[in-house]
PDB file of N, CA and C in Angstrom:
ATOM      1  N   MET A   1       0.833  -1.186   0.000  1.00  0.00           N
ATOM      2  CA  MET A   1       0.000   0.000   0.000  1.00  0.00           C
ATOM      3  C   MET A   1       0.879   1.251   0.000  1.00  0.00           C
ATOM      4  N   THR A   2       0.609   2.154  -0.916  1.00  0.00           N
ATOM      5  CA  THR A   2       1.361   3.398  -1.021  1.00  0.00           C
ATOM      6  C   THR A   2       0.767   4.435  -0.075  1.00  0.00           C
ATOM      7  N   THR A   3       1.621   5.031   0.738  1.00  0.00           N
ATOM      8  CA  THR A   3       1.171   6.056   1.679  1.00  0.00           C
ATOM      9  C   THR A   3       1.437   7.444   1.108  1.00  0.00           C
ATOM     10  N   THR A   4       0.882   8.440   1.748  1.00  0.00           N
ATOM     11  CA  THR A   4       1.125   9.827   1.350  1.00  0.00           C
ATOM     12  C   THR A   4       2.611  10.151   1.436  1.00  0.00           C
ATOM     13  N   ALA A   5       3.260   9.650   2.471  1.00  0.00           N
ATOM     14  CA  ALA A   5       4.700   9.886   2.632  1.00  0.00           C
ATOM     15  C   ALA A   5       5.481   9.239   1.491  1.00  0.00           C
ATOM     16  N   ASP A   6       5.064   8.040   1.061  1.00  0.00           N
ATOM     17  CA  ASP A   6       5.717   7.373  -0.069  1.00  0.00           C
ATOM     18  C   ASP A   6       5.569   8.193  -1.347  1.00  0.00           C
ATOM     19  N   THR A   7       4.360   8.702  -1.577  1.00  0.00           N
ATOM     20  CA  THR A   7       4.096   9.496  -2.773  1.00  0.00           C
ATOM     21  C   THR A   7       4.905  10.786  -2.737  1.00  0.00           C
ATOM     22  N   ALA A   8       4.967  11.432  -1.582  1.00  0.00           N
ATOM     23  CA  ALA A   8       5.738  12.673  -1.444  1.00  0.00           C
ATOM     24  C   ALA A   8       7.215  12.421  -1.710  1.00  0.00           C
ATOM     25  N   LYS A   9       7.736  11.335  -1.166  1.00  0.00           N
ATOM     26  CA  LYS A   9       9.148  10.987  -1.386  1.00  0.00           C
ATOM     27  C   LYS A   9       9.389  10.654  -2.849  1.00  0.00           C
ATOM     28  N   ALA A  10       8.472   9.917  -3.457  1.00  0.00           N
ATOM     29  CA  ALA A  10       8.617   9.564  -4.877  1.00  0.00           C
ATOM     30  C   ALA A  10       8.654  10.827  -5.738  1.00  0.00           C
ATOM     31  N   PHE A  11       7.774  11.790  -5.435  1.00  0.00           N
ATOM     32  CA  PHE A  11       7.784  13.042  -6.193  1.00  0.00           C
ATOM     33  C   PHE A  11       9.114  13.761  -6.014  1.00  0.00           C
ATOM     34  N   THR A  12       9.531  13.956  -4.773  1.00  0.00           N
ATOM     35  CA  THR A  12      10.765  14.700  -4.497  1.00  0.00           C
ATOM     36  C   THR A  12      11.964  14.036  -5.153  1.00  0.00           C
ATOM     37  N   ASP A  13      12.067  12.721  -5.016  1.00  0.00           N
ATOM     38  CA  ASP A  13      13.197  11.998  -5.607  1.00  0.00           C
ATOM     39  C   ASP A  13      13.201  12.123  -7.128  1.00  0.00           C
ATOM     40  N   ARG A  14      12.039  11.977  -7.737  1.00  0.00           N
ATOM     41  CA  ARG A  14      11.961  12.029  -9.198  1.00  0.00           C
ATOM     42  C   ARG A  14      12.204  13.450  -9.718  1.00  0.00           C
ATOM     43  N   PHE A  15      11.648  14.460  -9.047  1.00  0.00           N
ATOM     44  CA  PHE A  15      11.862  15.844  -9.459  1.00  0.00           C
ATOM     45  C   PHE A  15      13.348  16.192  -9.368  1.00  0.00           C
ATOM     46  N   THR A  16      13.987  15.778  -8.293  1.00  0.00           N
ATOM     47  CA  THR A  16      15.417  16.029  -8.121  1.00  0.00           C
ATOM     48  C   THR A  16      16.214  15.360  -9.244  1.00  0.00           C
ATOM     49  N   ALA A  17      15.898  14.109  -9.521  1.00  0.00           N
ATOM     50  CA  ALA A  17      16.606  13.381 -10.580  1.00  0.00           C
ATOM     51  C   ALA A  17      16.348  13.990 -11.955  1.00  0.00           C
ATOM     52  N   ASP A  18      15.099  14.352 -12.221  1.00  0.00           N
ATOM     53  CA  ASP A  18      14.732  14.902 -13.528  1.00  0.00           C
ATOM     54  C   ASP A  18      15.327  16.283 -13.779  1.00  0.00           C
ATOM     55  N   SER A  19      15.624  17.020 -12.718  1.00  0.00           N
ATOM     56  CA  SER A  19      16.115  18.391 -12.896  1.00  0.00           C
ATOM     57  C   SER A  19      17.631  18.509 -12.762  1.00  0.00           C
ATOM     58  N   THR A  20      18.323  17.399 -12.678  1.00  0.00           N
ATOM     59  CA  THR A  20      19.769  17.411 -12.462  1.00  0.00           C
ATOM     60  C   THR A  20      20.517  18.278 -13.467  1.00  0.00           C
ATOM     61  N   SER A  21      20.139  18.219 -14.725  1.00  0.00           N
ATOM     62  CA  SER A  21      20.874  18.981 -15.738  1.00  0.00           C
ATOM     63  C   SER A  21      20.178  20.283 -16.149  1.00  0.00           C
ATOM     64  N   ALA A  22      19.083  20.622 -15.497  1.00  0.00           N
ATOM     65  CA  ALA A  22      18.355  21.847 -15.845  1.00  0.00           C
ATOM     66  C   ALA A  22      19.154  23.087 -15.438  1.00  0.00           C
ATOM     67  N   LEU A  23      19.139  24.089 -16.293  1.00  0.00           N
ATOM     68  CA  LEU A  23      19.875  25.326 -16.005  1.00  0.00           C
ATOM     69  C   LEU A  23      19.329  26.038 -14.776  1.00  0.00           C
ATOM     70  N   TRP A  24      18.046  25.862 -14.475  1.00  0.00           N
ATOM     71  CA  TRP A  24      17.412  26.534 -13.342  1.00  0.00           C
ATOM     72  C   TRP A  24      17.550  25.772 -12.027  1.00  0.00           C
ATOM     73  N   LYS A  25      18.185  24.621 -12.050  1.00  0.00           N
ATOM     74  CA  LYS A  25      18.265  23.742 -10.871  1.00  0.00           C
ATOM     75  C   LYS A  25      18.742  24.474  -9.607  1.00  0.00           C
ATOM     76  N   THR A  26      19.728  25.324  -9.735  1.00  0.00           N
ATOM     77  CA  THR A  26      20.274  26.002  -8.554  1.00  0.00           C
ATOM     78  C   THR A  26      19.322  27.061  -8.002  1.00  0.00           C
ATOM     79  N   SER A  27      18.277  27.393  -8.761  1.00  0.00           N
ATOM     80  CA  SER A  27      17.285  28.362  -8.286  1.00  0.00           C
ATOM     81  C   SER A  27      16.241  27.737  -7.369  1.00  0.00           C
ATOM     82  N   VAL A  28      16.154  26.422  -7.356  1.00  0.00           N
ATOM     83  CA  VAL A  28      15.147  25.727  -6.540  1.00  0.00           C
ATOM     84  C   VAL A  28      15.722  25.479  -5.149  1.00  0.00           C
ATOM     85  N   THR A  29      15.039  26.019  -4.143  1.00  0.00           N
ATOM     86  CA  THR A  29      15.485  25.798  -2.768  1.00  0.00           C
ATOM     87  C   THR A  29      14.747  24.638  -2.118  1.00  0.00           C
ATOM     88  N   SER A  30      13.515  24.365  -2.572  1.00  0.00           N
ATOM     89  CA  SER A  30      12.793  23.188  -2.097  1.00  0.00           C
ATOM     90  C   SER A  30      11.635  22.884  -3.039  1.00  0.00           C
ATOM     91  N   ALA A  31      11.279  21.620  -3.074  1.00  0.00           N
ATOM     92  CA  ALA A  31      10.120  21.176  -3.851  1.00  0.00           C
ATOM     93  C   ALA A  31       9.465  20.078  -3.029  1.00  0.00           C
ATOM     94  N   ARG A  32       8.189  20.281  -2.728  1.00  0.00           N
ATOM     95  CA  ARG A  32       7.540  19.291  -1.876  1.00  0.00           C
ATOM     96  C   ARG A  32       6.076  19.103  -2.262  1.00  0.00           C
ATOM     97  N   LEU A  33       5.612  17.929  -1.970  1.00  0.00           N
ATOM     98  CA  LEU A  33       4.213  17.593  -2.167  1.00  0.00           C
ATOM     99  C   LEU A  33       3.495  17.801  -0.854  1.00  0.00           C
ATOM    100  N   ASP A  34       2.410  18.554  -0.891  1.00  0.00           N
ATOM    101  CA  ASP A  34       1.598  18.805   0.297  1.00  0.00           C
ATOM    102  C   ASP A  34       0.180  18.368  -0.039  1.00  0.00           C
ATOM    103  N   GLY A  35      -0.147  17.147   0.320  1.00  0.00           N
ATOM    104  CA  GLY A  35      -1.449  16.600  -0.041  1.00  0.00           C
ATOM    105  C   GLY A  35      -1.515  16.364  -1.532  1.00  0.00           C
ATOM    106  N   ARG A  36      -2.369  17.121  -2.210  1.00  0.00           N
ATOM    107  CA  ARG A  36      -2.511  16.984  -3.664  1.00  0.00           C
ATOM    108  C   ARG A  36      -1.934  18.184  -4.408  1.00  0.00           C
ATOM    109  N   ALA A  37      -1.109  18.958  -3.716  1.00  0.00           N
ATOM    110  CA  ALA A  37      -0.508  20.151  -4.306  1.00  0.00           C
ATOM    111  C   ALA A  37       1.011  20.096  -4.187  1.00  0.00           C
ATOM    112  N   VAL A  38       1.673  20.636  -5.191  1.00  0.00           N
ATOM    113  CA  VAL A  38       3.128  20.725  -5.186  1.00  0.00           C
ATOM    114  C   VAL A  38       3.502  22.184  -4.989  1.00  0.00           C
ATOM    115  N   LEU A  39       4.453  22.416  -4.100  1.00  0.00           N
ATOM    116  CA  LEU A  39       4.970  23.760  -3.857  1.00  0.00           C
ATOM    117  C   LEU A  39       6.467  23.740  -4.118  1.00  0.00           C
ATOM    118  N   VAL A  40       6.899  24.602  -5.017  1.00  0.00           N
ATOM    119  CA  VAL A  40       8.321  24.737  -5.327  1.00  0.00           C
ATOM    120  C   VAL A  40       8.745  26.134  -4.888  1.00  0.00           C
ATOM    121  N   VAL A  41       9.691  26.203  -3.990  1.00  0.00           N
ATOM    122  CA  VAL A  41      10.215  27.477  -3.500  1.00  0.00           C
ATOM    123  C   VAL A  41      11.549  27.713  -4.201  1.00  0.00           C
ATOM    124  N   THR A  42      11.734  28.937  -4.685  1.00  0.00           N
ATOM    125  CA  THR A  42      12.932  29.251  -5.462  1.00  0.00           C
ATOM    126  C   THR A  42      13.607  30.518  -4.951  1.00  0.00           C
ATOM    127  N   SER A  43      14.745  30.804  -5.537  1.00  0.00           N
ATOM    128  CA  SER A  43      15.439  32.064  -5.272  1.00  0.00           C
ATOM    129  C   SER A  43      15.147  33.074  -6.383  1.00  0.00           C
ATOM    130  N   LEU A  44      14.158  32.788  -7.213  1.00  0.00           N
ATOM    131  CA  LEU A  44      13.798  33.662  -8.324  1.00  0.00           C
ATOM    132  C   LEU A  44      13.118  34.943  -7.837  1.00  0.00           C
ATOM    133  N   THR A  45      13.111  35.946  -8.705  1.00  0.00           N
ATOM    134  CA  THR A  45      12.395  37.190  -8.422  1.00  0.00           C
ATOM    135  C   THR A  45      11.192  37.277  -9.362  1.00  0.00           C
ATOM    136  N   LYS A  46      10.360  38.281  -9.158  1.00  0.00           N
ATOM    137  CA  LYS A  46       9.165  38.455  -9.984  1.00  0.00           C
ATOM    138  C   LYS A  46       9.483  38.627 -11.462  1.00  0.00           C
ATOM    139  N   THR A  47      10.671  39.090 -11.784  1.00  0.00           N
ATOM    140  CA  THR A  47      11.039  39.306 -13.183  1.00  0.00           C
ATOM    141  C   THR A  47      11.505  38.024 -13.876  1.00  0.00           C
ATOM    142  N   ASP A  48      11.655  36.951 -13.136  1.00  0.00           N
ATOM    143  CA  ASP A  48      12.138  35.674 -13.680  1.00  0.00           C
ATOM    144  C   ASP A  48      10.992  34.767 -14.119  1.00  0.00           C
ATOM    145  N   LYS A  49       9.972  35.335 -14.731  1.00  0.00           N
ATOM    146  CA  LYS A  49       8.766  34.573 -15.068  1.00  0.00           C
ATOM    147  C   LYS A  49       9.026  33.416 -16.028  1.00  0.00           C
ATOM    148  N   ALA A  50       9.837  33.620 -17.036  1.00  0.00           N
ATOM    149  CA  ALA A  50      10.101  32.557 -18.013  1.00  0.00           C
ATOM    150  C   ALA A  50      10.771  31.359 -17.338  1.00  0.00           C
ATOM    151  N   THR A  51      11.716  31.626 -16.474  1.00  0.00           N
ATOM    152  CA  THR A  51      12.384  30.546 -15.748  1.00  0.00           C
ATOM    153  C   THR A  51      11.406  29.866 -14.797  1.00  0.00           C
ATOM    154  N   ALA A  52      10.581  30.648 -14.142  1.00  0.00           N
ATOM    155  CA  ALA A  52       9.602  30.082 -13.212  1.00  0.00           C
ATOM    156  C   ALA A  52       8.642  29.131 -13.928  1.00  0.00           C
ATOM    157  N   VAL A  53       8.244  29.483 -15.143  1.00  0.00           N
ATOM    158  CA  VAL A  53       7.348  28.607 -15.911  1.00  0.00           C
ATOM    159  C   VAL A  53       8.067  27.304 -16.254  1.00  0.00           C
ATOM    160  N   LYS A  54       9.342  27.363 -16.578  1.00  0.00           N
ATOM    161  CA  LYS A  54      10.108  26.142 -16.851  1.00  0.00           C
ATOM    162  C   LYS A  54      10.174  25.256 -15.614  1.00  0.00           C
ATOM    163  N   VAL A  55      10.437  25.855 -14.460  1.00  0.00           N
ATOM    164  CA  VAL A  55      10.478  25.107 -13.202  1.00  0.00           C
ATOM    165  C   VAL A  55       9.118  24.482 -12.936  1.00  0.00           C
ATOM    166  N   CYS A  56       8.077  25.269 -13.098  1.00  0.00           N
ATOM    167  CA  CYS A  56       6.713  24.802 -12.853  1.00  0.00           C
ATOM    168  C   CYS A  56       6.347  23.657 -13.795  1.00  0.00           C
ATOM    169  N   ASP A  57       6.655  23.812 -15.079  1.00  0.00           N
ATOM    170  CA  ASP A  57       6.350  22.746 -16.040  1.00  0.00           C
ATOM    171  C   ASP A  57       7.065  21.449 -15.679  1.00  0.00           C
ATOM    172  N   ALA A  58       8.314  21.549 -15.266  1.00  0.00           N
ATOM    173  CA  ALA A  58       9.057  20.346 -14.870  1.00  0.00           C
ATOM    174  C   ALA A  58       8.402  19.680 -13.655  1.00  0.00           C
ATOM    175  N   ALA A  59       8.028  20.484 -12.675  1.00  0.00           N
ATOM    176  CA  ALA A  59       7.364  19.942 -11.485  1.00  0.00           C
ATOM    177  C   ALA A  59       6.001  19.360 -11.853  1.00  0.00           C
ATOM    178  N   PHE A  60       5.288  20.013 -12.758  1.00  0.00           N
ATOM    179  CA  PHE A  60       3.965  19.564 -13.192  1.00  0.00           C
ATOM    180  C   PHE A  60       4.055  18.206 -13.887  1.00  0.00           C
ATOM    181  N   VAL A  61       5.000  18.063 -14.797  1.00  0.00           N
ATOM    182  CA  VAL A  61       5.187  16.787 -15.503  1.00  0.00           C
ATOM    183  C   VAL A  61       5.550  15.681 -14.518  1.00  0.00           C
ATOM    184  N   THR A  62       6.479  15.964 -13.619  1.00  0.00           N
ATOM    185  CA  THR A  62       6.876  14.972 -12.623  1.00  0.00           C
ATOM    186  C   THR A  62       5.707  14.613 -11.720  1.00  0.00           C
ATOM    187  N   ALA A  63       4.977  15.609 -11.260  1.00  0.00           N
ATOM    188  CA  ALA A  63       3.863  15.360 -10.339  1.00  0.00           C
ATOM    189  C   ALA A  63       2.747  14.560 -11.001  1.00  0.00           C
ATOM    190  N   LYS A  64       2.456  14.855 -12.264  1.00  0.00           N
ATOM    191  CA  LYS A  64       1.386  14.119 -12.945  1.00  0.00           C
ATOM    192  C   LYS A  64       1.696  12.631 -13.025  1.00  0.00           C
ATOM    193  N   SER A  65       2.976  12.285 -13.069  1.00  0.00           N
ATOM    194  CA  SER A  65       3.338  10.868 -13.152  1.00  0.00           C
ATOM    195  C   SER A  65       3.481  10.201 -11.789  1.00  0.00           C
ATOM    196  N   THR A  66       3.529  10.979 -10.717  1.00  0.00           N
ATOM    197  CA  THR A  66       3.708  10.382  -9.389  1.00  0.00           C
ATOM    198  C   THR A  66       2.551  10.637  -8.430  1.00  0.00           C
ATOM    199  N   VAL A  67       1.709  11.616  -8.746  1.00  0.00           N
ATOM    200  CA  VAL A  67       0.593  11.981  -7.863  1.00  0.00           C
ATOM    201  C   VAL A  67      -0.711  11.807  -8.653  1.00  0.00           C
ATOM    202  N   PRO A  68      -1.391  10.670  -8.486  1.00  0.00           N
ATOM    203  CA  PRO A  68      -2.557  10.391  -9.319  1.00  0.00           C
ATOM    204  C   PRO A  68      -3.685  11.414  -9.210  1.00  0.00           C
ATOM    205  N   ASP A  69      -3.850  12.028  -8.063  1.00  0.00           N
ATOM    206  CA  ASP A  69      -4.945  12.981  -7.874  1.00  0.00           C
ATOM    207  C   ASP A  69      -4.429  14.414  -7.706  1.00  0.00           C
ATOM    208  N   LEU A  70      -3.389  14.751  -8.470  1.00  0.00           N
ATOM    209  CA  LEU A  70      -2.771  16.077  -8.419  1.00  0.00           C
ATOM    210  C   LEU A  70      -3.796  17.177  -8.677  1.00  0.00           C
ATOM    211  N   VAL A  71      -3.731  18.231  -7.877  1.00  0.00           N
ATOM    212  CA  VAL A  71      -4.599  19.394  -8.084  1.00  0.00           C
ATOM    213  C   VAL A  71      -3.808  20.584  -8.610  1.00  0.00           C
ATOM    214  N   SER A  72      -2.663  20.895  -7.982  1.00  0.00           N
ATOM    215  CA  SER A  72      -1.964  22.110  -8.413  1.00  0.00           C
ATOM    216  C   SER A  72      -0.464  22.047  -8.185  1.00  0.00           C
ATOM    217  N   VAL A  73       0.217  22.908  -8.944  1.00  0.00           N
ATOM    218  CA  VAL A  73       1.648  23.144  -8.776  1.00  0.00           C
ATOM    219  C   VAL A  73       1.820  24.654  -8.699  1.00  0.00           C
ATOM    220  N   THR A  74       2.572  25.112  -7.721  1.00  0.00           N
ATOM    221  CA  THR A  74       2.845  26.542  -7.565  1.00  0.00           C
ATOM    222  C   THR A  74       4.337  26.738  -7.375  1.00  0.00           C
ATOM    223  N   VAL A  75       4.882  27.715  -8.074  1.00  0.00           N
ATOM    224  CA  VAL A  75       6.281  28.111  -7.891  1.00  0.00           C
ATOM    225  C   VAL A  75       6.270  29.468  -7.213  1.00  0.00           C
ATOM    226  N   ARG A  76       7.054  29.576  -6.129  1.00  0.00           N
ATOM    227  CA  ARG A  76       7.108  30.813  -5.343  1.00  0.00           C
ATOM    228  C   ARG A  76       8.477  31.471  -5.501  1.00  0.00           C
ATOM    229  N   THR A  77       8.487  32.791  -5.384  1.00  0.00           N
ATOM    230  CA  THR A  77       9.735  33.561  -5.441  1.00  0.00           C
ATOM    231  C   THR A  77      10.435  33.500  -4.084  1.00  0.00           C
ATOM    232  N   ALA A  78      11.616  34.075  -4.059  1.00  0.00           N
ATOM    233  CA  ALA A  78      12.379  34.143  -2.804  1.00  0.00           C
ATOM    234  C   ALA A  78      11.634  34.952  -1.748  1.00  0.00           C
ATOM    235  N   THR A  79      10.749  35.848  -2.179  1.00  0.00           N
ATOM    236  CA  THR A  79       9.983  36.665  -1.234  1.00  0.00           C
ATOM    237  C   THR A  79       8.576  36.099  -1.012  1.00  0.00           C
ATOM    238  N   ASP A  80       8.387  34.841  -1.365  1.00  0.00           N
ATOM    239  CA  ASP A  80       7.153  34.091  -1.091  1.00  0.00           C
ATOM    240  C   ASP A  80       5.935  34.566  -1.879  1.00  0.00           C
ATOM    241  N   ASN A  81       6.157  34.995  -3.099  1.00  0.00           N
ATOM    242  CA  ASN A  81       5.053  35.352  -3.997  1.00  0.00           C
ATOM    243  C   ASN A  81       4.906  34.275  -5.065  1.00  0.00           C
ATOM    244  N   SER A  82       3.684  33.960  -5.434  1.00  0.00           N
ATOM    245  CA  SER A  82       3.468  33.001  -6.524  1.00  0.00           C
ATOM    246  C   SER A  82       3.913  33.635  -7.829  1.00  0.00           C
ATOM    247  N   ILE A  83       4.692  32.887  -8.601  1.00  0.00           N
ATOM    248  CA  ILE A  83       5.201  33.419  -9.861  1.00  0.00           C
ATOM    249  C   ILE A  83       4.786  32.550 -11.058  1.00  0.00           C
ATOM    250  N   ALA A  84       4.494  31.271 -10.814  1.00  0.00           N
ATOM    251  CA  ALA A  84       4.021  30.384 -11.882  1.00  0.00           C
ATOM    252  C   ALA A  84       3.151  29.310 -11.247  1.00  0.00           C
ATOM    253  N   TRP A  85       2.176  28.810 -12.031  1.00  0.00           N
ATOM    254  CA  TRP A  85       1.237  27.848 -11.455  1.00  0.00           C
ATOM    255  C   TRP A  85       0.506  27.066 -12.542  1.00  0.00           C
ATOM    256  N   ALA A  86      -0.047  25.948 -12.114  1.00  0.00           N
ATOM    257  CA  ALA A  86      -0.960  25.152 -12.940  1.00  0.00           C
ATOM    258  C   ALA A  86      -1.961  24.523 -11.985  1.00  0.00           C
ATOM    259  N   ASN A  87      -3.210  24.419 -12.425  1.00  0.00           N
ATOM    260  CA  ASN A  87      -4.261  23.841 -11.591  1.00  0.00           C
ATOM    261  C   ASN A  87      -5.099  22.898 -12.450  1.00  0.00           C
ATOM    262  N   THR A  88      -5.067  21.624 -12.127  1.00  0.00           N
ATOM    263  CA  THR A  88      -5.792  20.635 -12.923  1.00  0.00           C
ATOM    264  C   THR A  88      -7.305  20.794 -12.792  1.00  0.00           C
ATOM    265  N   MET A  89      -7.777  21.374 -11.704  1.00  0.00           N
ATOM    266  CA  MET A  89      -9.210  21.571 -11.525  1.00  0.00           C
ATOM    267  C   MET A  89      -9.744  22.628 -12.506  1.00  0.00           C
ATOM    268  N   ARG A  90      -8.863  23.514 -12.956  1.00  0.00           N
ATOM    269  CA  ARG A  90      -9.228  24.507 -13.972  1.00  0.00           C
ATOM    270  C   ARG A  90      -8.974  23.992 -15.377  1.00  0.00           C
ATOM    271  N   GLY A  91      -8.418  22.793 -15.472  1.00  0.00           N
ATOM    272  CA  GLY A  91      -8.123  22.210 -16.776  1.00  0.00           C
ATOM    273  C   GLY A  91      -6.765  22.601 -17.344  1.00  0.00           C
ATOM    274  N   ASP A  92      -5.895  23.174 -16.513  1.00  0.00           N
ATOM    275  CA  ASP A  92      -4.564  23.552 -17.006  1.00  0.00           C
ATOM    276  C   ASP A  92      -3.803  22.308 -17.458  1.00  0.00           C
ATOM    277  N   THR A  93      -3.125  22.434 -18.587  1.00  0.00           N
ATOM    278  CA  THR A  93      -2.278  21.353 -19.091  1.00  0.00           C
ATOM    279  C   THR A  93      -0.808  21.736 -19.086  1.00  0.00           C
ATOM    280  N   ALA A  94      -0.546  22.986 -18.720  1.00  0.00           N
ATOM    281  CA  ALA A  94       0.813  23.499 -18.594  1.00  0.00           C
ATOM    282  C   ALA A  94       0.775  24.686 -17.631  1.00  0.00           C
ATOM    283  N   CYS A  95       1.944  25.089 -17.213  1.00  0.00           N
ATOM    284  CA  CYS A  95       2.039  26.209 -16.277  1.00  0.00           C
ATOM    285  C   CYS A  95       1.957  27.547 -16.989  1.00  0.00           C
ATOM    286  N   LYS A  96       1.612  28.551 -16.220  1.00  0.00           N
ATOM    287  CA  LYS A  96       1.577  29.932 -16.720  1.00  0.00           C
ATOM    288  C   LYS A  96       2.050  30.854 -15.613  1.00  0.00           C
ATOM    289  N   SER A  97       2.289  32.080 -15.986  1.00  0.00           N
ATOM    290  CA  SER A  97       2.778  33.053 -15.022  1.00  0.00           C
ATOM    291  C   SER A  97       1.927  34.305 -15.103  1.00  0.00           C
TER     292      SER A  97
END
């Protein structure tokens, strides 16, 4: 039986592995699954929208394959503002900023 902790670990491990060669990798300070939502905290600023969307898309793709009932992915700036997001309940198929 897969537990929430197992799913969270699977997401974190896979996201880390999948982003190893990404240029934005050093901008990610944490990525975690919280229930059915993914939160990625970065060192990005509000002007780094294009990079934030890339980070969000990577997390979204990883989460869709590891979290069967995924609802959302949010990327936050260093000052704790949302900069990119996707929400499956709204029908999003990719991230936006």
